[in-house]
Full PDB file with SEQRES, HELIX, SHEET, SSBOND, CRYST1, ORIGX, SCALE, CONECT and MASTER records, all heavy atoms in Angstrom:
SEQRES   1 A   39  PHE GLY PHE GLN TYR GLN PRO ARG SER TYR ILE ASN PHE          
SEQRES   2 A   39  ASN HIS PHE SER TYR ASP PHE GLN ASP ASN ASN SER PRO          
SEQRES   3 A   39  VAL LYS ILE SER GLY TYR ASP TYR PHE PHE GLU ILE THR          
CRYST1    1.000    1.000    1.000  90.00  90.00  90.00 P 1           1          
ORIGX1      1.000000  0.000000  0.000000        0.00000                         
ORIGX2      0.000000  1.000000  0.000000        0.00000                         
ORIGX3      0.000000  0.000000  1.000000        0.00000                         
SCALE1      1.000000  0.000000  0.000000        0.00000                         
SCALE2      0.000000  1.000000  0.000000        0.00000                         
SCALE3      0.000000  0.000000  1.000000        0.00000                         
ATOM      1  N   PHE A   1       0.803  -1.230  -0.002  1.00  0.00           N  
ATOM      2  CA  PHE A   1       0.011  -0.011   0.000  1.00  0.00           C  
ATOM      3  C   PHE A   1       0.845   1.276  -0.004  1.00  0.00           C  
ATOM      4  O   PHE A   1       0.343   2.339  -0.374  1.00  0.00           O  
ATOM      5  CB  PHE A   1      -0.937   0.016   1.223  1.00  0.00           C  
ATOM      6  CG  PHE A   1      -2.088  -0.938   1.114  1.00  0.00           C  
ATOM      7  CD1 PHE A   1      -1.967  -2.235   1.557  1.00  0.00           C  
ATOM      8  CD2 PHE A   1      -3.293  -0.527   0.564  1.00  0.00           C  
ATOM      9  CE1 PHE A   1      -3.029  -3.117   1.448  1.00  0.00           C  
ATOM     10  CE2 PHE A   1      -4.362  -1.402   0.460  1.00  0.00           C  
ATOM     11  CZ  PHE A   1      -4.223  -2.695   0.902  1.00  0.00           C  
ATOM     12  N   GLY A   2       2.070   1.175   0.499  1.00  0.00           N  
ATOM     13  CA  GLY A   2       2.900   2.380   0.550  1.00  0.00           C  
ATOM     14  C   GLY A   2       2.894   3.074   1.892  1.00  0.00           C  
ATOM     15  O   GLY A   2       3.516   4.124   2.052  1.00  0.00           O  
ATOM     16  N   PHE A   3       2.193   2.494   2.881  1.00  0.00           N  
ATOM     17  CA  PHE A   3       2.190   3.063   4.236  1.00  0.00           C  
ATOM     18  C   PHE A   3       2.019   1.943   5.228  1.00  0.00           C  
ATOM     19  O   PHE A   3       1.571   0.844   4.905  1.00  0.00           O  
ATOM     20  CB  PHE A   3       1.100   4.139   4.413  1.00  0.00           C  
ATOM     21  CG  PHE A   3      -0.284   3.682   4.018  1.00  0.00           C  
ATOM     22  CD1 PHE A   3      -1.098   3.046   4.936  1.00  0.00           C  
ATOM     23  CD2 PHE A   3      -0.747   3.870   2.723  1.00  0.00           C  
ATOM     24  CE1 PHE A   3      -2.371   2.611   4.583  1.00  0.00           C  
ATOM     25  CE2 PHE A   3      -2.017   3.446   2.362  1.00  0.00           C  
ATOM     26  CZ  PHE A   3      -2.823   2.829   3.288  1.00  0.00           C  
ATOM     27  N   GLN A   4       2.396   2.245   6.503  1.00  0.00           N  
ATOM     28  CA  GLN A   4       2.407   1.218   7.562  1.00  0.00           C  
ATOM     29  C   GLN A   4       1.001   0.864   8.013  1.00  0.00           C  
ATOM     30  O   GLN A   4       0.076   1.656   7.921  1.00  0.00           O  
ATOM     31  CB  GLN A   4       3.232   1.711   8.759  1.00  0.00           C  
ATOM     32  CG  GLN A   4       4.716   1.817   8.526  1.00  0.00           C  
ATOM     33  CD  GLN A   4       5.408   0.474   8.511  1.00  0.00           C  
ATOM     34  OE1 GLN A   4       4.759  -0.580   8.631  1.00  0.00           O  
ATOM     35  NE2 GLN A   4       6.716   0.473   8.356  1.00  0.00           N  
ATOM     36  N   TYR A   5       0.877  -0.356   8.500  1.00  0.00           N  
ATOM     37  CA  TYR A   5      -0.381  -0.823   9.122  1.00  0.00           C  
ATOM     38  C   TYR A   5      -0.505  -0.231  10.518  1.00  0.00           C  
ATOM     39  O   TYR A   5       0.430  -0.288  11.318  1.00  0.00           O  
ATOM     40  CB  TYR A   5      -0.399  -2.329   9.188  1.00  0.00           C  
ATOM     41  CG  TYR A   5      -1.579  -2.915   9.938  1.00  0.00           C  
ATOM     42  CD1 TYR A   5      -2.873  -2.712   9.494  1.00  0.00           C  
ATOM     43  CD2 TYR A   5      -1.382  -3.685  11.086  1.00  0.00           C  
ATOM     44  CE1 TYR A   5      -3.954  -3.254  10.167  1.00  0.00           C  
ATOM     45  CE2 TYR A   5      -2.445  -4.236  11.764  1.00  0.00           C  
ATOM     46  CZ  TYR A   5      -3.732  -4.018  11.297  1.00  0.00           C  
ATOM     47  OH  TYR A   5      -4.800  -4.556  11.977  1.00  0.00           O  
ATOM     48  N   GLN A   6      -1.651   0.352  10.817  1.00  0.00           N  
ATOM     49  CA  GLN A   6      -1.936   0.894  12.146  1.00  0.00           C  
ATOM     50  C   GLN A   6      -3.087   0.093  12.745  1.00  0.00           C  
ATOM     51  O   GLN A   6      -4.232   0.246  12.298  1.00  0.00           O  
ATOM     52  CB  GLN A   6      -2.327   2.382  12.055  1.00  0.00           C  
ATOM     53  CG  GLN A   6      -1.243   3.274  11.487  1.00  0.00           C  
ATOM     54  CD  GLN A   6      -0.160   3.549  12.521  1.00  0.00           C  
ATOM     55  OE1 GLN A   6      -0.408   3.474  13.718  1.00  0.00           O  
ATOM     56  NE2 GLN A   6       1.024   3.883  12.056  1.00  0.00           N  
ATOM     57  N   PRO A   7      -2.827  -0.811  13.722  1.00  0.00           N  
ATOM     58  CA  PRO A   7      -3.889  -1.653  14.265  1.00  0.00           C  
ATOM     59  C   PRO A   7      -5.100  -0.871  14.769  1.00  0.00           C  
ATOM     60  O   PRO A   7      -6.227  -1.319  14.636  1.00  0.00           O  
ATOM     61  CB  PRO A   7      -3.194  -2.402  15.396  1.00  0.00           C  
ATOM     62  CG  PRO A   7      -1.758  -2.371  15.042  1.00  0.00           C  
ATOM     63  CD  PRO A   7      -1.533  -1.071  14.349  1.00  0.00           C  
ATOM     64  N   ARG A   8      -4.859   0.291  15.392  1.00  0.00           N  
ATOM     65  CA  ARG A   8      -5.959   1.116  15.896  1.00  0.00           C  
ATOM     66  C   ARG A   8      -5.998   2.375  15.039  1.00  0.00           C  
ATOM     67  O   ARG A   8      -5.545   3.415  15.458  1.00  0.00           O  
ATOM     68  CB  ARG A   8      -5.780   1.418  17.365  1.00  0.00           C  
ATOM     69  CG  ARG A   8      -5.732   0.177  18.243  1.00  0.00           C  
ATOM     70  CD  ARG A   8      -5.476   0.545  19.696  1.00  0.00           C  
ATOM     71  NE  ARG A   8      -6.588   1.318  20.233  1.00  0.00           N  
ATOM     72  CZ  ARG A   8      -6.580   1.882  21.437  1.00  0.00           C  
ATOM     73  NH1 ARG A   8      -5.498   1.782  22.177  1.00  0.00           N  
ATOM     74  NH2 ARG A   8      -7.606   2.545  21.867  1.00  0.00           N  
ATOM     75  N   SER A   9      -6.557   2.246  13.859  1.00  0.00           N  
ATOM     76  CA  SER A   9      -6.425   3.312  12.869  1.00  0.00           C  
ATOM     77  C   SER A   9      -7.253   4.554  13.198  1.00  0.00           C  
ATOM     78  O   SER A   9      -7.099   5.570  12.566  1.00  0.00           O  
ATOM     79  CB  SER A   9      -6.863   2.778  11.504  1.00  0.00           C  
ATOM     80  OG  SER A   9      -8.186   2.255  11.576  1.00  0.00           O  
ATOM     81  N   TYR A  10      -8.133   4.442  14.189  1.00  0.00           N  
ATOM     82  CA  TYR A  10      -8.906   5.628  14.516  1.00  0.00           C  
ATOM     83  C   TYR A  10      -8.104   6.592  15.364  1.00  0.00           C  
ATOM     84  O   TYR A  10      -8.542   7.724  15.614  1.00  0.00           O  
ATOM     85  CB  TYR A  10     -10.201   5.249  15.274  1.00  0.00           C  
ATOM     86  CG  TYR A  10      -9.987   4.386  16.479  1.00  0.00           C  
ATOM     87  CD1 TYR A  10      -9.674   4.936  17.702  1.00  0.00           C  
ATOM     88  CD2 TYR A  10     -10.069   2.998  16.373  1.00  0.00           C  
ATOM     89  CE1 TYR A  10      -9.466   4.150  18.809  1.00  0.00           C  
ATOM     90  CE2 TYR A  10      -9.880   2.197  17.493  1.00  0.00           C  
ATOM     91  CZ  TYR A  10      -9.586   2.765  18.695  1.00  0.00           C  
ATOM     92  OH  TYR A  10      -9.381   1.975  19.783  1.00  0.00           O  
ATOM     93  N   ILE A  11      -6.926   6.208  15.852  1.00  0.00           N  
ATOM     94  CA  ILE A  11      -6.075   7.111  16.620  1.00  0.00           C  
ATOM     95  C   ILE A  11      -5.332   8.030  15.631  1.00  0.00           C  
ATOM     96  O   ILE A  11      -4.856   7.599  14.599  1.00  0.00           O  
ATOM     97  CB  ILE A  11      -5.054   6.304  17.459  1.00  0.00           C  
ATOM     98  CG1 ILE A  11      -5.802   5.497  18.536  1.00  0.00           C  
ATOM     99  CG2 ILE A  11      -4.037   7.230  18.097  1.00  0.00           C  
ATOM    100  CD1 ILE A  11      -4.892   4.687  19.399  1.00  0.00           C  
ATOM    101  N   ASN A  12      -5.268   9.261  15.969  1.00  0.00           N  
ATOM    102  CA  ASN A  12      -4.564  10.225  15.133  1.00  0.00           C  
ATOM    103  C   ASN A  12      -3.130   9.773  14.932  1.00  0.00           C  
ATOM    104  O   ASN A  12      -2.439   9.374  15.872  1.00  0.00           O  
ATOM    105  CB  ASN A  12      -4.598  11.600  15.808  1.00  0.00           C  
ATOM    106  CG  ASN A  12      -4.080  12.672  14.880  1.00  0.00           C  
ATOM    107  OD1 ASN A  12      -2.925  12.650  14.463  1.00  0.00           O  
ATOM    108  ND2 ASN A  12      -4.950  13.625  14.574  1.00  0.00           N  
ATOM    109  N   PHE A  13      -2.653   9.854  13.690  1.00  0.00           N  
ATOM    110  CA  PHE A  13      -1.303   9.375  13.371  1.00  0.00           C  
ATOM    111  C   PHE A  13      -0.224  10.157  14.099  1.00  0.00           C  
ATOM    112  O   PHE A  13       0.908   9.740  14.182  1.00  0.00           O  
ATOM    113  CB  PHE A  13      -1.061   9.477  11.867  1.00  0.00           C  
ATOM    114  CG  PHE A  13      -1.708   8.361  11.089  1.00  0.00           C  
ATOM    115  CD1 PHE A  13      -2.485   7.389  11.743  1.00  0.00           C  
ATOM    116  CD2 PHE A  13      -1.530   8.234   9.735  1.00  0.00           C  
ATOM    117  CE1 PHE A  13      -3.047   6.364  11.021  1.00  0.00           C  
ATOM    118  CE2 PHE A  13      -2.105   7.218   9.003  1.00  0.00           C  
ATOM    119  CZ  PHE A  13      -2.879   6.270   9.655  1.00  0.00           C  
ATOM    120  N   ASN A  14      -0.525  11.347  14.605  1.00  0.00           N  
ATOM    121  CA  ASN A  14       0.475  12.160  15.282  1.00  0.00           C  
ATOM    122  C   ASN A  14       0.693  11.723  16.739  1.00  0.00           C  
ATOM    123  O   ASN A  14       1.531  12.290  17.424  1.00  0.00           O  
ATOM    124  CB  ASN A  14       0.066  13.641  15.244  1.00  0.00           C  
ATOM    125  CG  ASN A  14       0.044  14.157  13.823  1.00  0.00           C  
ATOM    126  OD1 ASN A  14       0.889  13.794  13.009  1.00  0.00           O  
ATOM    127  ND2 ASN A  14      -0.938  14.996  13.517  1.00  0.00           N  
ATOM    128  N   HIS A  15      -0.032  10.745  17.216  1.00  0.00           N  
ATOM    129  CA  HIS A  15       0.093  10.281  18.583  1.00  0.00           C  
ATOM    130  C   HIS A  15       0.639   8.867  18.625  1.00  0.00           C  
ATOM    131  O   HIS A  15       0.339   8.046  17.770  1.00  0.00           O  
ATOM    132  CB  HIS A  15      -1.269  10.316  19.296  1.00  0.00           C  
ATOM    133  CG  HIS A  15      -1.791  11.688  19.556  1.00  0.00           C  
ATOM    134  ND1 HIS A  15      -2.380  12.450  18.559  1.00  0.00           N  
ATOM    135  CD2 HIS A  15      -1.764  12.469  20.668  1.00  0.00           C  
ATOM    136  CE1 HIS A  15      -2.735  13.621  19.077  1.00  0.00           C  
ATOM    137  NE2 HIS A  15      -2.377  13.661  20.327  1.00  0.00           N  
ATOM    138  N   PHE A  16       1.472   8.580  19.617  1.00  0.00           N  
ATOM    139  CA  PHE A  16       1.980   7.222  19.793  1.00  0.00           C  
ATOM    140  C   PHE A  16       2.197   6.980  21.258  1.00  0.00           C  
ATOM    141  O   PHE A  16       2.213   7.918  22.077  1.00  0.00           O  
ATOM    142  CB  PHE A  16       3.292   7.024  19.015  1.00  0.00           C  
ATOM    143  CG  PHE A  16       4.379   8.009  19.385  1.00  0.00           C  
ATOM    144  CD1 PHE A  16       5.272   7.711  20.390  1.00  0.00           C  
ATOM    145  CD2 PHE A  16       4.496   9.218  18.709  1.00  0.00           C  
ATOM    146  CE1 PHE A  16       6.269   8.629  20.743  1.00  0.00           C  
ATOM    147  CE2 PHE A  16       5.501  10.131  19.038  1.00  0.00           C  
ATOM    148  CZ  PHE A  16       6.391   9.826  20.055  1.00  0.00           C  
ATOM    149  N   SER A  17       2.310   5.713  21.633  1.00  0.00           N  
ATOM    150  CA  SER A  17       2.433   5.369  23.045  1.00  0.00           C  
ATOM    151  C   SER A  17       3.254   4.101  23.205  1.00  0.00           C  
ATOM    152  O   SER A  17       3.075   3.152  22.427  1.00  0.00           O  
ATOM    153  CB  SER A  17       1.025   5.163  23.667  1.00  0.00           C  
ATOM    154  OG  SER A  17       1.142   4.723  24.979  1.00  0.00           O  
ATOM    155  N   TYR A  18       4.146   4.087  24.192  1.00  0.00           N  
ATOM    156  CA  TYR A  18       4.915   2.903  24.537  1.00  0.00           C  
ATOM    157  C   TYR A  18       4.913   2.746  26.042  1.00  0.00           C  
ATOM    158  O   TYR A  18       4.633   3.682  26.769  1.00  0.00           O  
ATOM    159  CB  TYR A  18       6.365   2.995  24.015  1.00  0.00           C  
ATOM    160  CG  TYR A  18       6.483   3.199  22.538  1.00  0.00           C  
ATOM    161  CD1 TYR A  18       6.857   4.429  22.002  1.00  0.00           C  
ATOM    162  CD2 TYR A  18       6.211   2.168  21.643  1.00  0.00           C  
ATOM    163  CE1 TYR A  18       6.965   4.643  20.632  1.00  0.00           C  
ATOM    164  CE2 TYR A  18       6.311   2.352  20.275  1.00  0.00           C  
ATOM    165  CZ  TYR A  18       6.678   3.569  19.780  1.00  0.00           C  
ATOM    166  OH  TYR A  18       6.772   3.764  18.437  1.00  0.00           O  
ATOM    167  N   ASP A  19       5.246   1.559  26.493  1.00  0.00           N  
ATOM    168  CA  ASP A  19       5.277   1.301  27.917  1.00  0.00           C  
ATOM    169  C   ASP A  19       6.403   0.304  28.220  1.00  0.00           C  
ATOM    170  O   ASP A  19       6.772  -0.510  27.384  1.00  0.00           O  
ATOM    171  CB  ASP A  19       3.931   0.715  28.375  1.00  0.00           C  
ATOM    172  CG  ASP A  19       3.732   0.860  29.875  1.00  0.00           C  
ATOM    173  OD1 ASP A  19       4.634   1.430  30.540  1.00  0.00           O  
ATOM    174  OD2 ASP A  19       2.703   0.430  30.380  1.00  0.00           O  
ATOM    175  N   PHE A  20       6.951   0.388  29.435  1.00  0.00           N  
ATOM    176  CA  PHE A  20       7.929  -0.595  29.850  1.00  0.00           C  
ATOM    177  C   PHE A  20       7.267  -1.966  29.959  1.00  0.00           C  
ATOM    178  O   PHE A  20       6.140  -2.067  30.485  1.00  0.00           O  
ATOM    179  CB  PHE A  20       8.530  -0.210  31.213  1.00  0.00           C  
ATOM    180  CG  PHE A  20       9.492   0.935  31.166  1.00  0.00           C  
ATOM    181  CD1 PHE A  20       9.114   2.185  31.645  1.00  0.00           C  
ATOM    182  CD2 PHE A  20      10.757   0.765  30.644  1.00  0.00           C  
ATOM    183  CE1 PHE A  20      10.000   3.247  31.594  1.00  0.00           C  
ATOM    184  CE2 PHE A  20      11.656   1.814  30.605  1.00  0.00           C  
ATOM    185  CZ  PHE A  20      11.276   3.063  31.084  1.00  0.00           C  
ATOM    186  N   GLN A  21       7.942  -3.007  29.494  1.00  0.00           N  
ATOM    187  CA  GLN A  21       7.350  -4.351  29.619  1.00  0.00           C  
ATOM    188  C   GLN A  21       7.337  -4.810  31.079  1.00  0.00           C  
ATOM    189  O   GLN A  21       6.455  -5.505  31.500  1.00  0.00           O  
ATOM    190  CB  GLN A  21       8.139  -5.336  28.771  1.00  0.00           C  
ATOM    191  CG  GLN A  21       7.797  -5.224  27.296  1.00  0.00           C  
ATOM    192  CD  GLN A  21       8.353  -6.380  26.502  1.00  0.00           C  
ATOM    193  OE1 GLN A  21       9.467  -6.854  26.785  1.00  0.00           O  
ATOM    194  NE2 GLN A  21       7.634  -6.857  25.527  1.00  0.00           N  
ATOM    195  N   ASP A  22       8.384  -4.410  31.812  1.00  0.00           N  
ATOM    196  CA  ASP A  22       8.465  -4.857  33.199  1.00  0.00           C  
ATOM    197  C   ASP A  22       8.906  -3.676  34.042  1.00  0.00           C  
ATOM    198  O   ASP A  22      10.068  -3.303  34.072  1.00  0.00           O  
ATOM    199  CB  ASP A  22       9.450  -6.026  33.325  1.00  0.00           C  
ATOM    200  CG  ASP A  22       9.459  -6.591  34.751  1.00  0.00           C  
ATOM    201  OD1 ASP A  22       8.720  -6.084  35.628  1.00  0.00           O  
ATOM    202  OD2 ASP A  22      10.220  -7.545  34.995  1.00  0.00           O  
ATOM    203  N   ASN A  23       7.947  -3.055  34.738  1.00  0.00           N  
ATOM    204  CA  ASN A  23       8.263  -1.884  35.543  1.00  0.00           C  
ATOM    205  C   ASN A  23       9.076  -2.219  36.800  1.00  0.00           C  
ATOM    206  O   ASN A  23       9.541  -1.338  37.493  1.00  0.00           O  
ATOM    207  CB  ASN A  23       6.963  -1.165  35.961  1.00  0.00           C  
ATOM    208  CG  ASN A  23       6.320  -0.471  34.781  1.00  0.00           C  
ATOM    209  OD1 ASN A  23       7.020   0.006  33.904  1.00  0.00           O  
ATOM    210  ND2 ASN A  23       5.017  -0.455  34.754  1.00  0.00           N  
ATOM    211  N   ASN A  24       9.205  -3.502  37.091  1.00  0.00           N  
ATOM    212  CA  ASN A  24       9.929  -3.917  38.308  1.00  0.00           C  
ATOM    213  C   ASN A  24      11.416  -4.220  38.044  1.00  0.00           C  
ATOM    214  O   ASN A  24      12.102  -4.683  38.919  1.00  0.00           O  
ATOM    215  CB  ASN A  24       9.262  -5.150  38.934  1.00  0.00           C  
ATOM    216  CG  ASN A  24       7.869  -4.840  39.455  1.00  0.00           C  
ATOM    217  OD1 ASN A  24       7.647  -3.771  40.003  1.00  0.00           O  
ATOM    218  ND2 ASN A  24       6.940  -5.753  39.241  1.00  0.00           N  
ATOM    219  N   SER A  25      11.849  -3.998  36.816  1.00  0.00           N  
ATOM    220  CA  SER A  25      13.270  -4.257  36.519  1.00  0.00           C  
ATOM    221  C   SER A  25      14.147  -3.263  37.259  1.00  0.00           C  
ATOM    222  O   SER A  25      13.793  -2.103  37.411  1.00  0.00           O  
ATOM    223  CB  SER A  25      13.516  -4.118  35.003  1.00  0.00           C  
ATOM    224  OG  SER A  25      12.771  -5.069  34.288  1.00  0.00           O  
ATOM    225  N   PRO A  26      15.314  -3.702  37.750  1.00  0.00           N  
ATOM    226  CA  PRO A  26      16.202  -2.779  38.477  1.00  0.00           C  
ATOM    227  C   PRO A  26      16.792  -1.731  37.532  1.00  0.00           C  
ATOM    228  O   PRO A  26      17.085  -2.015  36.379  1.00  0.00           O  
ATOM    229  CB  PRO A  26      17.304  -3.707  39.020  1.00  0.00           C  
ATOM    230  CG  PRO A  26      17.265  -4.907  38.134  1.00  0.00           C  
ATOM    231  CD  PRO A  26      15.842  -5.067  37.706  1.00  0.00           C  
ATOM    232  N   VAL A  27      16.920  -0.529  38.041  1.00  0.00           N  
ATOM    233  CA  VAL A  27      17.504   0.572  37.259  1.00  0.00           C  
ATOM    234  C   VAL A  27      18.876   0.892  37.868  1.00  0.00           C  
ATOM    235  O   VAL A  27      18.973   1.166  39.054  1.00  0.00           O  
ATOM    236  CB  VAL A  27      16.588   1.820  37.318  1.00  0.00           C  
ATOM    237  CG1 VAL A  27      17.244   2.980  36.559  1.00  0.00           C  
ATOM    238  CG2 VAL A  27      15.225   1.493  36.726  1.00  0.00           C  
ATOM    239  N   LYS A  28      19.905   0.869  37.053  1.00  0.00           N  
ATOM    240  CA  LYS A  28      21.265   1.126  37.549  1.00  0.00           C  
ATOM    241  C   LYS A  28      21.429   2.636  37.737  1.00  0.00           C  
ATOM    242  O   LYS A  28      21.283   3.427  36.811  1.00  0.00           O  
ATOM    243  CB  LYS A  28      22.285   0.626  36.517  1.00  0.00           C  
ATOM    244  CG  LYS A  28      23.722   0.711  37.032  1.00  0.00           C  
ATOM    245  CD  LYS A  28      24.684   0.103  36.036  1.00  0.00           C  
ATOM    246  CE  LYS A  28      26.119   0.174  36.546  1.00  0.00           C  
ATOM    247  NZ  LYS A  28      27.081  -0.401  35.595  1.00  0.00           N  
ATOM    248  N   ILE A  29      21.728   3.065  38.975  1.00  0.00           N  
ATOM    249  CA  ILE A  29      21.835   4.488  39.296  1.00  0.00           C  
ATOM    250  C   ILE A  29      23.204   4.854  39.837  1.00  0.00           C  
ATOM    251  O   ILE A  29      23.400   5.923  40.414  1.00  0.00           O  
ATOM    252  CB  ILE A  29      20.749   4.911  40.295  1.00  0.00           C  
ATOM    253  CG1 ILE A  29      20.851   4.098  41.587  1.00  0.00           C  
ATOM    254  CG2 ILE A  29      19.363   4.779  39.695  1.00  0.00           C  
ATOM    255  CD1 ILE A  29      19.922   4.594  42.677  1.00  0.00           C  
ATOM    256  N   SER A  30      24.198   3.981  39.680  1.00  0.00           N  
ATOM    257  CA  SER A  30      25.545   4.303  40.192  1.00  0.00           C  
ATOM    258  C   SER A  30      26.111   5.516  39.453  1.00  0.00           C  
ATOM    259  O   SER A  30      25.904   5.691  38.267  1.00  0.00           O  
ATOM    260  CB  SER A  30      26.470   3.091  39.989  1.00  0.00           C  
ATOM    261  OG  SER A  30      26.568   2.771  38.619  1.00  0.00           O  
ATOM    262  N   GLY A  31      26.797   6.353  40.198  1.00  0.00           N  
ATOM    263  CA  GLY A  31      27.354   7.577  39.638  1.00  0.00           C  
ATOM    264  C   GLY A  31      26.416   8.762  39.721  1.00  0.00           C  
ATOM    265  O   GLY A  31      26.780   9.871  39.316  1.00  0.00           O  
ATOM    266  N   TYR A  32      25.225   8.533  40.308  1.00  0.00           N  
ATOM    267  CA  TYR A  32      24.258   9.623  40.444  1.00  0.00           C  
ATOM    268  C   TYR A  32      23.805   9.721  41.906  1.00  0.00           C  
ATOM    269  O   TYR A  32      23.875   8.751  42.653  1.00  0.00           O  
ATOM    270  CB  TYR A  32      23.034   9.387  39.548  1.00  0.00           C  
ATOM    271  CG  TYR A  32      23.401   9.413  38.056  1.00  0.00           C  
ATOM    272  CD1 TYR A  32      23.793   8.239  37.422  1.00  0.00           C  
ATOM    273  CD2 TYR A  32      23.388  10.588  37.342  1.00  0.00           C  
ATOM    274  CE1 TYR A  32      24.151   8.250  36.086  1.00  0.00           C  
ATOM    275  CE2 TYR A  32      23.728  10.603  35.990  1.00  0.00           C  
ATOM    276  CZ  TYR A  32      24.109   9.430  35.369  1.00  0.00           C  
ATOM    277  OH  TYR A  32      24.466   9.454  34.058  1.00  0.00           O  
ATOM    278  N   ASP A  33      23.347  10.891  42.327  1.00  0.00           N  
ATOM    279  CA  ASP A  33      22.984  11.114  43.728  1.00  0.00           C  
ATOM    280  C   ASP A  33      21.497  10.918  43.996  1.00  0.00           C  
ATOM    281  O   ASP A  33      21.123  10.524  45.098  1.00  0.00           O  
ATOM    282  CB  ASP A  33      23.367  12.543  44.134  1.00  0.00           C  
ATOM    283  CG  ASP A  33      24.877  12.749  44.082  1.00  0.00           C  
ATOM    284  OD1 ASP A  33      25.592  11.879  44.602  1.00  0.00           O  
ATOM    285  OD2 ASP A  33      25.325  13.763  43.511  1.00  0.00           O  
ATOM    286  N   TYR A  34      20.636  11.205  43.007  1.00  0.00           N  
ATOM    287  CA  TYR A  34      19.190  11.162  43.261  1.00  0.00           C  
ATOM    288  C   TYR A  34      18.482  10.466  42.111  1.00  0.00           C  
ATOM    289  O   TYR A  34      18.921  10.497  40.971  1.00  0.00           O  
ATOM    290  CB  TYR A  34      18.633  12.590  43.436  1.00  0.00           C  
ATOM    291  CG  TYR A  34      19.300  13.360  44.539  1.00  0.00           C  
ATOM    292  CD1 TYR A  34      20.275  14.338  44.243  1.00  0.00           C  
ATOM    293  CD2 TYR A  34      18.996  13.116  45.877  1.00  0.00           C  
ATOM    294  CE1 TYR A  34      20.902  15.050  45.256  1.00  0.00           C  
ATOM    295  CE2 TYR A  34      19.622  13.832  46.889  1.00  0.00           C  
ATOM    296  CZ  TYR A  34      20.571  14.789  46.579  1.00  0.00           C  
ATOM    297  OH  TYR A  34      21.198  15.479  47.578  1.00  0.00           O  
ATOM    298  N   PHE A  35      17.342   9.861  42.474  1.00  0.00           N  
ATOM    299  CA  PHE A  35      16.491   9.211  41.488  1.00  0.00           C  
ATOM    300  C   PHE A  35      15.072   9.761  41.587  1.00  0.00           C  
ATOM    301  O   PHE A  35      14.487   9.786  42.668  1.00  0.00           O  
ATOM    302  CB  PHE A  35      16.469   7.694  41.713  1.00  0.00           C  
ATOM    303  CG  PHE A  35      15.472   6.953  40.873  1.00  0.00           C  
ATOM    304  CD1 PHE A  35      15.756   6.627  39.552  1.00  0.00           C  
ATOM    305  CD2 PHE A  35      14.247   6.559  41.376  1.00  0.00           C  
ATOM    306  CE1 PHE A  35      14.843   5.947  38.767  1.00  0.00           C  
ATOM    307  CE2 PHE A  35      13.324   5.876  40.614  1.00  0.00           C  
ATOM    308  CZ  PHE A  35      13.625   5.563  39.303  1.00  0.00           C  
ATOM    309  N   PHE A  36      14.525  10.234  40.482  1.00  0.00           N  
ATOM    310  CA  PHE A  36      13.139  10.699  40.434  1.00  0.00           C  
ATOM    311  C   PHE A  36      12.368   9.841  39.439  1.00  0.00           C  
ATOM    312  O   PHE A  36      12.895   9.506  38.371  1.00  0.00           O  
ATOM    313  CB  PHE A  36      13.070  12.159  39.949  1.00  0.00           C  
ATOM    314  CG  PHE A  36      13.561  13.164  40.935  1.00  0.00           C  
ATOM    315  CD1 PHE A  36      14.840  13.721  40.813  1.00  0.00           C  
ATOM    316  CD2 PHE A  36      12.761  13.577  42.006  1.00  0.00           C  
ATOM    317  CE1 PHE A  36      15.308  14.647  41.720  1.00  0.00           C  
ATOM    318  CE2 PHE A  36      13.223  14.517  42.908  1.00  0.00           C  
ATOM    319  CZ  PHE A  36      14.481  15.053  42.767  1.00  0.00           C  
ATOM    320  N   GLU A  37      11.124   9.511  39.781  1.00  0.00           N  
ATOM    321  CA  GLU A  37      10.247   8.824  38.835  1.00  0.00           C  
ATOM    322  C   GLU A  37       9.054   9.721  38.529  1.00  0.00           C  
ATOM    323  O   GLU A  37       8.330  10.120  39.444  1.00  0.00           O  
ATOM    324  CB  GLU A  37       9.776   7.484  39.410  1.00  0.00           C  
ATOM    325  CG  GLU A  37       8.911   6.710  38.423  1.00  0.00           C  
ATOM    326  CD  GLU A  37       8.513   5.357  38.949  1.00  0.00           C  
ATOM    327  OE1 GLU A  37       8.746   5.085  40.142  1.00  0.00           O  
ATOM    328  OE2 GLU A  37       7.972   4.560  38.165  1.00  0.00           O  
ATOM    329  N   ILE A  38       8.856  10.041  37.268  1.00  0.00           N  
ATOM    330  CA  ILE A  38       7.749  10.902  36.861  1.00  0.00           C  
ATOM    331  C   ILE A  38       6.767  10.077  36.051  1.00  0.00           C  
ATOM    332  O   ILE A  38       7.150   9.482  35.034  1.00  0.00           O  
ATOM    333  CB  ILE A  38       8.253  12.098  36.014  1.00  0.00           C  
ATOM    334  CG1 ILE A  38       9.256  12.940  36.829  1.00  0.00           C  
ATOM    335  CG2 ILE A  38       7.092  12.943  35.546  1.00  0.00           C  
ATOM    336  CD1 ILE A  38       9.883  14.040  36.030  1.00  0.00           C  
ATOM    337  N   THR A  39       5.546   9.990  36.479  1.00  0.00           N  
ATOM    338  CA  THR A  39       4.518   9.207  35.797  1.00  0.00           C  
ATOM    339  C   THR A  39       3.351  10.089  35.458  1.00  0.00           C  
ATOM    340  O   THR A  39       2.828  10.805  36.303  1.00  0.00           O  
ATOM    341  CB  THR A  39       4.032   8.038  36.679  1.00  0.00           C  
ATOM    342  OG1 THR A  39       5.167   7.254  37.060  1.00  0.00           O  
ATOM    343  CG2 THR A  39       3.048   7.174  35.933  1.00  0.00           C  
TER     344      THR A  39                                                      
MASTER        0    0    0    0    0    0    0    6  343    1    0    3          
END                                                                             
C-alpha cells in the first residue's frame, strides 16, 4: 500500500504510546545522587 499498518487506525497518526514491559526491573543508578520517577 505504501504506508504502515496501524492496528488502531482511529487514533490520530500524530500520537503514539509505549510502555515498559516490566516496571519492576532494576535501574542502575551508580554515579548519580538522586532518582526521580515521573509518571
